[in-house]
């Protein structure tokens, strides 16, 4: 073999070895194929503003991992129902999920403490509690259920959206069929008001309203616009009965399989997602209120003190389930 040929062969092998030893080199611009692509699902449609927040989270993960970890974002119904999203994380079918506290409590009942009716009087108090030691305590319980709680977000204030009448006073709720989330505290809330709570998946709500299967729903006004419920909803009562905490979560079994550097990147991106999530929802809520009023949807303010008093029995009903110590800590932090 000639000297030139031996030199060329050695050079080629050295280049090949270098390429194999450094698989993540030259990922600038994220042109390379990700080492792993994760599935993130949110508990609303792709028309909801939080879909954009999740897309920006995905971009941040790609940036922090230099393109090694990709994240595909799906809306409700694309990878299963709202309930299946949580079981999907436990089994590893779903990697990441942006969901509401009302569904998280089906895994971890004590989490219902953040959904106590009229617990928070304003946004600032809710966020201060969630961002403090009590909020960290709640997230710290989730790994035992096969899920990591990464950070908090917000879906907006929950209000009562009715196909016919407004419900400004607690007595107005009597006999009204209301679609609620599966969390036990929601059923108790409306039962206490002598309404009739009905559990229906989000994908079936529009049909239920249009066919009078239910007379009202209790979702943030952003969801009314995103899901076109305003085509059947005629009156919205601004009860603001629940802050509607959002939780960014990850499948424990799947996140643990990733290299530590990627796990940390995802966790950090989730924390950085929180202010974007909250601001996006606040702005979209204001825009939705203006849009709904312009379409002729009746907007009514609720008698919140009267509602809060009427729902006091719910606090006592769930004190044992939640735990007296945790309930008292949350109430103190929320005051």
C-alpha atoms as a PDB file:
ATOM      1  CA  UNK A   1       0.000   0.000   0.000  1.00  0.00           C
ATOM      2  CA  UNK A   2       1.452   3.398  -0.985  1.00  0.00           C
ATOM      3  CA  UNK A   3       2.270   6.104   1.578  1.00  0.00           C
ATOM      4  CA  UNK A   4      -0.399   8.436   0.159  1.00  0.00           C
ATOM      5  CA  UNK A   5      -3.036   5.713   0.312  1.00  0.00           C
ATOM      6  CA  UNK A   6      -2.157   4.782   3.943  1.00  0.00           C
ATOM      7  CA  UNK A   7      -2.273   8.470   4.939  1.00  0.00           C
ATOM      8  CA  UNK A   8      -5.679   8.974   3.316  1.00  0.00           C
ATOM      9  CA  UNK A   9      -7.084   5.856   5.007  1.00  0.00           C
ATOM     10  CA  UNK A  10      -5.869   6.980   8.446  1.00  0.00           C
ATOM     11  CA  UNK A  11      -7.313  10.443   7.912  1.00  0.00           C
ATOM     12  CA  UNK A  12     -10.703   8.997   6.884  1.00  0.00           C
ATOM     13  CA  UNK A  13     -10.865   6.692   9.908  1.00  0.00           C
ATOM     14  CA  UNK A  14      -9.965   9.559  12.221  1.00  0.00           C
ATOM     15  CA  UNK A  15     -12.790  11.689  10.819  1.00  0.00           C
ATOM     16  CA  UNK A  16     -15.262   8.802  11.184  1.00  0.00           C
ATOM     17  CA  UNK A  17     -14.182   8.175  14.782  1.00  0.00           C
ATOM     18  CA  UNK A  18     -14.486  11.853  15.616  1.00  0.00           C
ATOM     19  CA  UNK A  19     -17.994  11.959  14.150  1.00  0.00           C
ATOM     20  CA  UNK A  20     -19.109   8.937  16.179  1.00  0.00           C
ATOM     21  CA  UNK A  21     -17.597  10.256  19.367  1.00  0.00           C
ATOM     22  CA  UNK A  22     -19.351  13.634  19.088  1.00  0.00           C
ATOM     23  CA  UNK A  23     -22.901  12.995  17.785  1.00  0.00           C
ATOM     24  CA  UNK A  24     -24.259  16.373  18.950  1.00  0.00           C
ATOM     25  CA  UNK A  25     -21.705  18.604  17.225  1.00  0.00           C
ATOM     26  CA  UNK A  26     -22.989  21.277  14.837  1.00  0.00           C
ATOM     27  CA  UNK A  27     -26.597  21.361  16.031  1.00  0.00           C
ATOM     28  CA  UNK A  28     -26.850  25.118  15.588  1.00  0.00           C
ATOM     29  CA  UNK A  29     -30.246  25.982  14.114  1.00  0.00           C
ATOM     30  CA  UNK A  30     -31.624  22.591  15.252  1.00  0.00           C
ATOM     31  CA  UNK A  31     -31.215  21.149  11.775  1.00  0.00           C
ATOM     32  CA  UNK A  32     -30.090  17.779  13.126  1.00  0.00           C
ATOM     33  CA  UNK A  33     -32.643  15.098  13.966  1.00  0.00           C
ATOM     34  CA  UNK A  34     -33.440  15.141  17.718  1.00  0.00           C
ATOM     35  CA  UNK A  35     -32.121  12.258  19.793  1.00  0.00           C
ATOM     36  CA  UNK A  36     -35.582  11.993  21.336  1.00  0.00           C
ATOM     37  CA  UNK A  37     -38.918  13.614  20.489  1.00  0.00           C
ATOM     38  CA  UNK A  38     -41.332  13.950  23.393  1.00  0.00           C
ATOM     39  CA  UNK A  39     -45.116  14.196  23.208  1.00  0.00           C
ATOM     40  CA  UNK A  40     -46.722  17.090  25.093  1.00  0.00           C
ATOM     41  CA  UNK A  41     -50.506  17.291  25.326  1.00  0.00           C
ATOM     42  CA  UNK A  42     -52.603  20.129  26.748  1.00  0.00           C
ATOM     43  CA  UNK A  43     -56.107  19.852  28.147  1.00  0.00           C
ATOM     44  CA  UNK A  44     -57.730  22.107  25.563  1.00  0.00           C
ATOM     45  CA  UNK A  45     -57.829  22.511  21.795  1.00  0.00           C
ATOM     46  CA  UNK A  46     -55.024  23.829  19.610  1.00  0.00           C
ATOM     47  CA  UNK A  47     -57.108  27.004  19.233  1.00  0.00           C
ATOM     48  CA  UNK A  48     -56.524  27.803  22.918  1.00  0.00           C
ATOM     49  CA  UNK A  49     -53.791  30.406  23.674  1.00  0.00           C
ATOM     50  CA  UNK A  50     -51.978  27.936  25.944  1.00  0.00           C
ATOM     51  CA  UNK A  51     -51.186  25.907  22.825  1.00  0.00           C
ATOM     52  CA  UNK A  52     -48.889  28.754  21.787  1.00  0.00           C
ATOM     53  CA  UNK A  53     -47.332  28.776  25.260  1.00  0.00           C
ATOM     54  CA  UNK A  54     -46.604  25.057  24.917  1.00  0.00           C
ATOM     55  CA  UNK A  55     -45.059  25.595  21.488  1.00  0.00           C
ATOM     56  CA  UNK A  56     -42.747  28.223  22.959  1.00  0.00           C
ATOM     57  CA  UNK A  57     -41.854  25.799  25.742  1.00  0.00           C
ATOM     58  CA  UNK A  58     -40.933  23.254  23.049  1.00  0.00           C
ATOM     59  CA  UNK A  59     -38.709  25.808  21.341  1.00  0.00           C
ATOM     60  CA  UNK A  60     -37.004  26.593  24.643  1.00  0.00           C
ATOM     61  CA  UNK A  61     -36.326  22.905  25.297  1.00  0.00           C
ATOM     62  CA  UNK A  62     -34.771  22.577  21.845  1.00  0.00           C
ATOM     63  CA  UNK A  63     -32.623  25.628  22.523  1.00  0.00           C
ATOM     64  CA  UNK A  64     -31.477  24.430  25.942  1.00  0.00           C
ATOM     65  CA  UNK A  65     -30.591  20.955  24.621  1.00  0.00           C
ATOM     66  CA  UNK A  66     -29.008  22.252  21.406  1.00  0.00           C
ATOM     67  CA  UNK A  67     -31.659  20.415  19.410  1.00  0.00           C
ATOM     68  CA  UNK A  68     -31.164  17.033  21.056  1.00  0.00           C
ATOM     69  CA  UNK A  69     -34.672  16.960  22.563  1.00  0.00           C
ATOM     70  CA  UNK A  70     -37.686  17.767  20.426  1.00  0.00           C
ATOM     71  CA  UNK A  71     -41.207  18.321  21.735  1.00  0.00           C
ATOM     72  CA  UNK A  72     -44.362  17.807  19.651  1.00  0.00           C
ATOM     73  CA  UNK A  73     -47.462  19.540  21.051  1.00  0.00           C
ATOM     74  CA  UNK A  74     -50.955  18.043  20.816  1.00  0.00           C
ATOM     75  CA  UNK A  75     -54.399  19.322  21.797  1.00  0.00           C
ATOM     76  CA  UNK A  76     -57.134  17.530  23.710  1.00  0.00           C
ATOM     77  CA  UNK A  77     -58.545  14.547  21.845  1.00  0.00           C
ATOM     78  CA  UNK A  78     -55.457  14.017  19.686  1.00  0.00           C
ATOM     79  CA  UNK A  79     -53.848  11.594  22.131  1.00  0.00           C
ATOM     80  CA  UNK A  80     -56.879  10.711  24.215  1.00  0.00           C
ATOM     81  CA  UNK A  81     -59.365  12.340  26.559  1.00  0.00           C
ATOM     82  CA  UNK A  82     -58.579  14.747  29.380  1.00  0.00           C
ATOM     83  CA  UNK A  83     -58.549  11.862  31.856  1.00  0.00           C
ATOM     84  CA  UNK A  84     -56.390   9.666  29.617  1.00  0.00           C
ATOM     85  CA  UNK A  85     -53.684  12.318  29.500  1.00  0.00           C
ATOM     86  CA  UNK A  86     -52.859  11.636  33.139  1.00  0.00           C
ATOM     87  CA  UNK A  87     -52.929   7.849  32.914  1.00  0.00           C
ATOM     88  CA  UNK A  88     -50.895   8.190  29.725  1.00  0.00           C
ATOM     89  CA  UNK A  89     -48.105   9.856  31.707  1.00  0.00           C
ATOM     90  CA  UNK A  90     -48.196   7.113  34.305  1.00  0.00           C
ATOM     91  CA  UNK A  91     -47.836   4.415  31.647  1.00  0.00           C
ATOM     92  CA  UNK A  92     -45.352   6.384  29.555  1.00  0.00           C
ATOM     93  CA  UNK A  93     -47.574   6.869  26.507  1.00  0.00           C
ATOM     94  CA  UNK A  94     -47.522  10.638  27.115  1.00  0.00           C
ATOM     95  CA  UNK A  95     -44.264  12.369  28.065  1.00  0.00           C
ATOM     96  CA  UNK A  96     -45.473  15.816  29.109  1.00  0.00           C
ATOM     97  CA  UNK A  97     -48.836  17.346  29.950  1.00  0.00           C
ATOM     98  CA  UNK A  98     -50.193  20.824  30.687  1.00  0.00           C
ATOM     99  CA  UNK A  99     -53.375  20.164  32.651  1.00  0.00           C
ATOM    100  CA  UNK A 100     -55.755  21.684  35.180  1.00  0.00           C
ATOM    101  CA  UNK A 101     -55.767  21.116  38.913  1.00  0.00           C
ATOM    102  CA  UNK A 102     -59.290  19.701  38.676  1.00  0.00           C
ATOM    103  CA  UNK A 103     -57.915  16.639  36.897  1.00  0.00           C
ATOM    104  CA  UNK A 104     -54.707  16.411  38.929  1.00  0.00           C
ATOM    105  CA  UNK A 105     -56.825  15.791  42.019  1.00  0.00           C
ATOM    106  CA  UNK A 106     -58.083  12.535  40.468  1.00  0.00           C
ATOM    107  CA  UNK A 107     -54.503  11.276  40.969  1.00  0.00           C
ATOM    108  CA  UNK A 108     -53.729  13.074  44.190  1.00  0.00           C
ATOM    109  CA  UNK A 109     -56.925  14.010  46.099  1.00  0.00           C
ATOM    110  CA  UNK A 110     -55.214  16.528  48.366  1.00  0.00           C
ATOM    111  CA  UNK A 111     -54.505  18.661  45.299  1.00  0.00           C
ATOM    112  CA  UNK A 112     -58.174  19.687  45.359  1.00  0.00           C
ATOM    113  CA  UNK A 113     -57.218  22.195  48.023  1.00  0.00           C
ATOM    114  CA  UNK A 114     -56.339  24.749  45.307  1.00  0.00           C
ATOM    115  CA  UNK A 115     -59.868  24.338  43.896  1.00  0.00           C
ATOM    116  CA  UNK A 116     -61.716  25.221  47.075  1.00  0.00           C
ATOM    117  CA  UNK A 117     -64.490  27.629  46.017  1.00  0.00           C
ATOM    118  CA  UNK A 118     -63.658  31.312  46.369  1.00  0.00           C
ATOM    119  CA  UNK A 119     -60.330  30.486  48.021  1.00  0.00           C
ATOM    120  CA  UNK A 120     -58.484  33.294  46.242  1.00  0.00           C
ATOM    121  CA  UNK A 121     -59.751  36.853  46.120  1.00  0.00           C
ATOM    122  CA  UNK A 122     -57.291  37.910  43.418  1.00  0.00           C
ATOM    123  CA  UNK A 123     -54.600  36.638  41.056  1.00  0.00           C
ATOM    124  CA  UNK A 124     -51.697  37.937  43.127  1.00  0.00           C
ATOM    125  CA  UNK A 125     -52.651  35.913  46.199  1.00  0.00           C
ATOM    126  CA  UNK A 126     -53.103  32.759  44.153  1.00  0.00           C
ATOM    127  CA  UNK A 127     -49.717  33.084  42.501  1.00  0.00           C
ATOM    128  CA  UNK A 128     -47.954  33.936  45.743  1.00  0.00           C
ATOM    129  CA  UNK A 129     -49.293  30.759  47.346  1.00  0.00           C
ATOM    130  CA  UNK A 130     -48.438  28.555  44.359  1.00  0.00           C
ATOM    131  CA  UNK A 131     -44.934  30.003  44.017  1.00  0.00           C
ATOM    132  CA  UNK A 132     -44.212  29.553  47.722  1.00  0.00           C
ATOM    133  CA  UNK A 133     -43.494  26.578  49.991  1.00  0.00           C
ATOM    134  CA  UNK A 134     -47.108  25.348  49.999  1.00  0.00           C
ATOM    135  CA  UNK A 135     -47.151  25.138  46.191  1.00  0.00           C
ATOM    136  CA  UNK A 136     -43.823  23.284  46.244  1.00  0.00           C
ATOM    137  CA  UNK A 137     -45.245  20.892  48.828  1.00  0.00           C
ATOM    138  CA  UNK A 138     -48.139  20.012  46.539  1.00  0.00           C
ATOM    139  CA  UNK A 139     -45.885  19.311  43.553  1.00  0.00           C
ATOM    140  CA  UNK A 140     -43.598  17.262  45.772  1.00  0.00           C
ATOM    141  CA  UNK A 141     -46.333  14.682  46.309  1.00  0.00           C
ATOM    142  CA  UNK A 142     -46.833  13.867  42.616  1.00  0.00           C
ATOM    143  CA  UNK A 143     -43.799  11.594  41.970  1.00  0.00           C
ATOM    144  CA  UNK A 144     -45.423   8.939  44.166  1.00  0.00           C
ATOM    145  CA  UNK A 145     -48.167   8.819  41.512  1.00  0.00           C
ATOM    146  CA  UNK A 146     -45.691   8.350  38.667  1.00  0.00           C
ATOM    147  CA  UNK A 147     -45.753  12.003  37.634  1.00  0.00           C
ATOM    148  CA  UNK A 148     -43.367  14.918  38.118  1.00  0.00           C
ATOM    149  CA  UNK A 149     -44.937  18.309  38.793  1.00  0.00           C
ATOM    150  CA  UNK A 150     -42.606  20.731  37.013  1.00  0.00           C
ATOM    151  CA  UNK A 151     -44.258  24.129  37.346  1.00  0.00           C
ATOM    152  CA  UNK A 152     -47.503  26.060  37.643  1.00  0.00           C
ATOM    153  CA  UNK A 153     -49.501  27.990  35.090  1.00  0.00           C
ATOM    154  CA  UNK A 154     -53.001  29.381  34.833  1.00  0.00           C
ATOM    155  CA  UNK A 155     -56.105  28.619  32.777  1.00  0.00           C
ATOM    156  CA  UNK A 156     -58.052  31.685  33.891  1.00  0.00           C
ATOM    157  CA  UNK A 157     -60.845  32.233  36.402  1.00  0.00           C
ATOM    158  CA  UNK A 158     -63.584  29.632  36.163  1.00  0.00           C
ATOM    159  CA  UNK A 159     -67.000  31.212  35.568  1.00  0.00           C
ATOM    160  CA  UNK A 160     -70.506  29.904  34.877  1.00  0.00           C
ATOM    161  CA  UNK A 161     -71.385  29.934  31.174  1.00  0.00           C
ATOM    162  CA  UNK A 162     -75.074  29.250  30.601  1.00  0.00           C
ATOM    163  CA  UNK A 163     -77.131  28.545  27.522  1.00  0.00           C
ATOM    164  CA  UNK A 164     -80.060  30.506  28.922  1.00  0.00           C
ATOM    165  CA  UNK A 165     -79.961  32.423  32.194  1.00  0.00           C
ATOM    166  CA  UNK A 166     -77.423  34.230  34.331  1.00  0.00           C
ATOM    167  CA  UNK A 167     -76.799  33.002  37.884  1.00  0.00           C
ATOM    168  CA  UNK A 168     -75.829  36.122  39.819  1.00  0.00           C
ATOM    169  CA  UNK A 169     -77.129  34.741  43.136  1.00  0.00           C
ATOM    170  CA  UNK A 170     -76.509  31.293  44.625  1.00  0.00           C
ATOM    171  CA  UNK A 171     -80.258  30.565  44.541  1.00  0.00           C
ATOM    172  CA  UNK A 172     -80.194  30.994  40.753  1.00  0.00           C
ATOM    173  CA  UNK A 173     -78.238  27.742  40.495  1.00  0.00           C
ATOM    174  CA  UNK A 174     -81.062  25.544  41.755  1.00  0.00           C
ATOM    175  CA  UNK A 175     -82.004  22.796  39.291  1.00  0.00           C
ATOM    176  CA  UNK A 176     -79.447  23.868  36.676  1.00  0.00           C
ATOM    177  CA  UNK A 177     -77.522  21.030  34.998  1.00  0.00           C
ATOM    178  CA  UNK A 178     -73.863  22.058  34.946  1.00  0.00           C
ATOM    179  CA  UNK A 179     -70.989  20.279  33.248  1.00  0.00           C
ATOM    180  CA  UNK A 180     -68.110  19.957  35.717  1.00  0.00           C
ATOM    181  CA  UNK A 181     -64.604  18.522  35.797  1.00  0.00           C
ATOM    182  CA  UNK A 182     -64.173  15.045  37.314  1.00  0.00           C
ATOM    183  CA  UNK A 183     -62.676  16.335  40.558  1.00  0.00           C
ATOM    184  CA  UNK A 184     -64.938  15.453  43.505  1.00  0.00           C
ATOM    185  CA  UNK A 185     -64.829  18.969  44.856  1.00  0.00           C
ATOM    186  CA  UNK A 186     -66.538  20.308  41.713  1.00  0.00           C
ATOM    187  CA  UNK A 187     -69.470  17.935  42.058  1.00  0.00           C
ATOM    188  CA  UNK A 188     -69.776  18.860  45.732  1.00  0.00           C
ATOM    189  CA  UNK A 189     -69.624  22.562  44.926  1.00  0.00           C
ATOM    190  CA  UNK A 190     -72.621  22.520  42.621  1.00  0.00           C
ATOM    191  CA  UNK A 191     -74.554  19.942  44.600  1.00  0.00           C
ATOM    192  CA  UNK A 192     -74.281  22.264  47.603  1.00  0.00           C
ATOM    193  CA  UNK A 193     -75.796  25.014  45.444  1.00  0.00           C
ATOM    194  CA  UNK A 194     -78.636  22.579  44.583  1.00  0.00           C
ATOM    195  CA  UNK A 195     -77.545  22.422  40.943  1.00  0.00           C
ATOM    196  CA  UNK A 196     -77.060  19.119  39.089  1.00  0.00           C
ATOM    197  CA  UNK A 197     -73.390  18.433  38.265  1.00  0.00           C
ATOM    198  CA  UNK A 198     -72.706  16.345  35.145  1.00  0.00           C
ATOM    199  CA  UNK A 199     -69.273  15.044  34.111  1.00  0.00           C
ATOM    200  CA  UNK A 200     -68.664  15.270  30.363  1.00  0.00           C
ATOM    201  CA  UNK A 201     -65.356  15.276  28.491  1.00  0.00           C
ATOM    202  CA  UNK A 202     -64.421  18.601  26.916  1.00  0.00           C
ATOM    203  CA  UNK A 203     -64.758  17.146  23.422  1.00  0.00           C
ATOM    204  CA  UNK A 204     -68.480  16.532  24.049  1.00  0.00           C
ATOM    205  CA  UNK A 205     -69.388  19.830  25.710  1.00  0.00           C
ATOM    206  CA  UNK A 206     -70.517  21.733  22.606  1.00  0.00           C
ATOM    207  CA  UNK A 207     -72.997  19.013  21.670  1.00  0.00           C
ATOM    208  CA  UNK A 208     -74.227  18.727  25.253  1.00  0.00           C
ATOM    209  CA  UNK A 209     -74.957  22.449  25.388  1.00  0.00           C
ATOM    210  CA  UNK A 210     -76.612  22.596  21.975  1.00  0.00           C
ATOM    211  CA  UNK A 211     -78.847  19.599  22.780  1.00  0.00           C
ATOM    212  CA  UNK A 212     -79.674  20.849  26.298  1.00  0.00           C
ATOM    213  CA  UNK A 213     -78.069  17.833  27.927  1.00  0.00           C
ATOM    214  CA  UNK A 214     -76.595  20.460  30.229  1.00  0.00           C
ATOM    215  CA  UNK A 215     -77.768  24.020  30.718  1.00  0.00           C
ATOM    216  CA  UNK A 216     -74.393  25.453  31.677  1.00  0.00           C
ATOM    217  CA  UNK A 217     -70.684  24.792  31.921  1.00  0.00           C
ATOM    218  CA  UNK A 218     -68.114  26.291  34.261  1.00  0.00           C
ATOM    219  CA  UNK A 219     -64.976  27.020  32.281  1.00  0.00           C
ATOM    220  CA  UNK A 220     -62.807  30.123  31.829  1.00  0.00           C
ATOM    221  CA  UNK A 221     -64.048  32.506  29.156  1.00  0.00           C
ATOM    222  CA  UNK A 222     -60.998  31.763  26.990  1.00  0.00           C
ATOM    223  CA  UNK A 223     -62.319  28.220  26.519  1.00  0.00           C
ATOM    224  CA  UNK A 224     -65.716  29.612  25.552  1.00  0.00           C
ATOM    225  CA  UNK A 225     -64.098  31.426  22.631  1.00  0.00           C
ATOM    226  CA  UNK A 226     -61.521  28.745  21.740  1.00  0.00           C
ATOM    227  CA  UNK A 227     -64.162  26.011  21.556  1.00  0.00           C
ATOM    228  CA  UNK A 228     -66.875  28.209  19.981  1.00  0.00           C
ATOM    229  CA  UNK A 229     -69.218  27.702  22.919  1.00  0.00           C
ATOM    230  CA  UNK A 230     -70.326  31.300  22.384  1.00  0.00           C
ATOM    231  CA  UNK A 231     -72.519  29.931  19.585  1.00  0.00           C
ATOM    232  CA  UNK A 232     -74.749  28.377  22.262  1.00  0.00           C
ATOM    233  CA  UNK A 233     -73.836  30.242  25.465  1.00  0.00           C
ATOM    234  CA  UNK A 234     -76.071  33.267  26.025  1.00  0.00           C
ATOM    235  CA  UNK A 235     -75.072  34.433  29.506  1.00  0.00           C
ATOM    236  CA  UNK A 236     -71.815  34.376  31.464  1.00  0.00           C
ATOM    237  CA  UNK A 237     -71.781  34.992  35.193  1.00  0.00           C
ATOM    238  CA  UNK A 238     -68.387  36.123  36.449  1.00  0.00           C
ATOM    239  CA  UNK A 239     -68.340  34.030  39.575  1.00  0.00           C
ATOM    240  CA  UNK A 240     -64.553  33.587  39.515  1.00  0.00           C
ATOM    241  CA  UNK A 241     -65.171  30.686  41.875  1.00  0.00           C
ATOM    242  CA  UNK A 242     -61.860  28.921  41.132  1.00  0.00           C
ATOM    243  CA  UNK A 243     -58.498  30.353  40.061  1.00  0.00           C
ATOM    244  CA  UNK A 244     -58.055  27.241  37.870  1.00  0.00           C
ATOM    245  CA  UNK A 245     -54.451  26.387  38.476  1.00  0.00           C
ATOM    246  CA  UNK A 246     -52.498  24.919  35.591  1.00  0.00           C
ATOM    247  CA  UNK A 247     -49.797  22.317  36.155  1.00  0.00           C
ATOM    248  CA  UNK A 248     -46.983  21.380  33.801  1.00  0.00           C
ATOM    249  CA  UNK A 249     -46.165  17.720  34.391  1.00  0.00           C
ATOM    250  CA  UNK A 250     -43.908  14.982  33.068  1.00  0.00           C
ATOM    251  CA  UNK A 251     -44.049  11.198  33.013  1.00  0.00           C
ATOM    252  CA  UNK A 252     -41.657  10.084  35.764  1.00  0.00           C
ATOM    253  CA  UNK A 253     -40.682   6.885  34.016  1.00  0.00           C
ATOM    254  CA  UNK A 254     -39.905   8.688  30.734  1.00  0.00           C
ATOM    255  CA  UNK A 255     -38.119  11.704  32.184  1.00  0.00           C
ATOM    256  CA  UNK A 256     -35.913   9.431  34.300  1.00  0.00           C
ATOM    257  CA  UNK A 257     -34.720   7.697  31.110  1.00  0.00           C
ATOM    258  CA  UNK A 258     -33.201  10.897  29.751  1.00  0.00           C
ATOM    259  CA  UNK A 259     -29.657  12.083  30.468  1.00  0.00           C
ATOM    260  CA  UNK A 260     -29.479  14.305  33.534  1.00  0.00           C
ATOM    261  CA  UNK A 261     -28.581  17.360  31.453  1.00  0.00           C
ATOM    262  CA  UNK A 262     -31.755  16.961  29.400  1.00  0.00           C
ATOM    263  CA  UNK A 263     -33.895  16.393  32.472  1.00  0.00           C
ATOM    264  CA  UNK A 264     -32.581  19.622  33.954  1.00  0.00           C
ATOM    265  CA  UNK A 265     -33.138  21.497  30.699  1.00  0.00           C
ATOM    266  CA  UNK A 266     -36.785  20.400  30.598  1.00  0.00           C
ATOM    267  CA  UNK A 267     -37.314  21.334  34.235  1.00  0.00           C
ATOM    268  CA  UNK A 268     -35.789  24.760  33.720  1.00  0.00           C
ATOM    269  CA  UNK A 269     -37.833  25.377  30.565  1.00  0.00           C
ATOM    270  CA  UNK A 270     -40.984  24.477  32.525  1.00  0.00           C
ATOM    271  CA  UNK A 271     -40.142  27.050  35.213  1.00  0.00           C
ATOM    272  CA  UNK A 272     -39.473  29.677  32.559  1.00  0.00           C
ATOM    273  CA  UNK A 273     -42.820  28.794  30.992  1.00  0.00           C
ATOM    274  CA  UNK A 274     -44.812  30.007  34.023  1.00  0.00           C
ATOM    275  CA  UNK A 275     -44.709  33.805  33.490  1.00  0.00           C
ATOM    276  CA  UNK A 276     -45.464  33.375  29.772  1.00  0.00           C
ATOM    277  CA  UNK A 277     -48.409  31.095  30.592  1.00  0.00           C
ATOM    278  CA  UNK A 278     -49.868  33.481  33.145  1.00  0.00           C
ATOM    279  CA  UNK A 279     -49.445  36.613  31.059  1.00  0.00           C
ATOM    280  CA  UNK A 280     -50.822  34.953  27.925  1.00  0.00           C
ATOM    281  CA  UNK A 281     -53.944  33.801  29.766  1.00  0.00           C
ATOM    282  CA  UNK A 282     -54.477  37.195  31.410  1.00  0.00           C
ATOM    283  CA  UNK A 283     -54.297  38.995  28.068  1.00  0.00           C
ATOM    284  CA  UNK A 284     -56.440  36.403  26.287  1.00  0.00           C
ATOM    285  CA  UNK A 285     -59.062  36.588  29.060  1.00  0.00           C
ATOM    286  CA  UNK A 286     -59.437  40.332  28.585  1.00  0.00           C
ATOM    287  CA  UNK A 287     -59.693  39.910  24.817  1.00  0.00           C
ATOM    288  CA  UNK A 288     -62.258  37.118  25.200  1.00  0.00           C
ATOM    289  CA  UNK A 289     -64.444  39.241  27.481  1.00  0.00           C
ATOM    290  CA  UNK A 290     -64.463  42.054  24.926  1.00  0.00           C
ATOM    291  CA  UNK A 291     -65.176  39.644  22.068  1.00  0.00           C
ATOM    292  CA  UNK A 292     -68.042  37.902  23.879  1.00  0.00           C
ATOM    293  CA  UNK A 293     -69.688  41.184  24.871  1.00  0.00           C
ATOM    294  CA  UNK A 294     -69.459  42.389  21.268  1.00  0.00           C
ATOM    295  CA  UNK A 295     -71.239  39.201  20.140  1.00  0.00           C
ATOM    296  CA  UNK A 296     -74.131  39.939  22.468  1.00  0.00           C
ATOM    297  CA  UNK A 297     -73.316  37.420  25.197  1.00  0.00           C
ATOM    298  CA  UNK A 298     -74.717  38.776  28.464  1.00  0.00           C
ATOM    299  CA  UNK A 299     -71.970  39.379  31.044  1.00  0.00           C
ATOM    300  CA  UNK A 300     -73.131  39.480  34.672  1.00  0.00           C
ATOM    301  CA  UNK A 301     -71.218  39.962  37.931  1.00  0.00           C
ATOM    302  CA  UNK A 302     -71.928  37.440  40.689  1.00  0.00           C
ATOM    303  CA  UNK A 303     -72.654  38.149  44.321  1.00  0.00           C
ATOM    304  CA  UNK A 304     -69.382  36.565  45.425  1.00  0.00           C
ATOM    305  CA  UNK A 305     -69.810  37.049  49.199  1.00  0.00           C
ATOM    306  CA  UNK A 306     -73.177  35.288  49.004  1.00  0.00           C
ATOM    307  CA  UNK A 307     -71.671  32.429  46.968  1.00  0.00           C
ATOM    308  CA  UNK A 308     -68.726  32.105  49.345  1.00  0.00           C
ATOM    309  CA  UNK A 309     -71.055  31.851  52.328  1.00  0.00           C
ATOM    310  CA  UNK A 310     -73.321  29.320  50.579  1.00  0.00           C
ATOM    311  CA  UNK A 311     -70.316  27.122  49.785  1.00  0.00           C
ATOM    312  CA  UNK A 312     -68.783  27.126  53.256  1.00  0.00           C
ATOM    313  CA  UNK A 313     -69.983  23.532  53.848  1.00  0.00           C
ATOM    314  CA  UNK A 314     -67.637  22.339  51.068  1.00  0.00           C
ATOM    315  CA  UNK A 315     -64.631  23.373  53.177  1.00  0.00           C
ATOM    316  CA  UNK A 316     -65.802  21.235  56.058  1.00  0.00           C
ATOM    317  CA  UNK A 317     -66.796  18.345  53.787  1.00  0.00           C
ATOM    318  CA  UNK A 318     -63.282  17.970  52.353  1.00  0.00           C
ATOM    319  CA  UNK A 319     -61.209  18.943  55.366  1.00  0.00           C
ATOM    320  CA  UNK A 320     -60.419  15.327  56.210  1.00  0.00           C
ATOM    321  CA  UNK A 321     -59.739  14.311  52.587  1.00  0.00           C
ATOM    322  CA  UNK A 322     -57.381  17.219  52.003  1.00  0.00           C
ATOM    323  CA  UNK A 323     -55.881  17.118  55.475  1.00  0.00           C
ATOM    324  CA  UNK A 324     -56.478  19.778  58.103  1.00  0.00           C
ATOM    325  CA  UNK A 325     -52.812  20.823  58.175  1.00  0.00           C
ATOM    326  CA  UNK A 326     -52.609  21.318  54.403  1.00  0.00           C
ATOM    327  CA  UNK A 327     -55.968  23.104  54.201  1.00  0.00           C
ATOM    328  CA  UNK A 328     -55.019  25.507  56.967  1.00  0.00           C
ATOM    329  CA  UNK A 329     -51.620  26.168  55.340  1.00  0.00           C
ATOM    330  CA  UNK A 330     -53.252  26.963  51.989  1.00  0.00           C
ATOM    331  CA  UNK A 331     -55.941  29.187  53.509  1.00  0.00           C
ATOM    332  CA  UNK A 332     -53.294  31.094  55.463  1.00  0.00           C
ATOM    333  CA  UNK A 333     -51.096  31.506  52.397  1.00  0.00           C
ATOM    334  CA  UNK A 334     -54.080  32.604  50.304  1.00  0.00           C
ATOM    335  CA  UNK A 335     -55.212  35.291  52.734  1.00  0.00           C
END
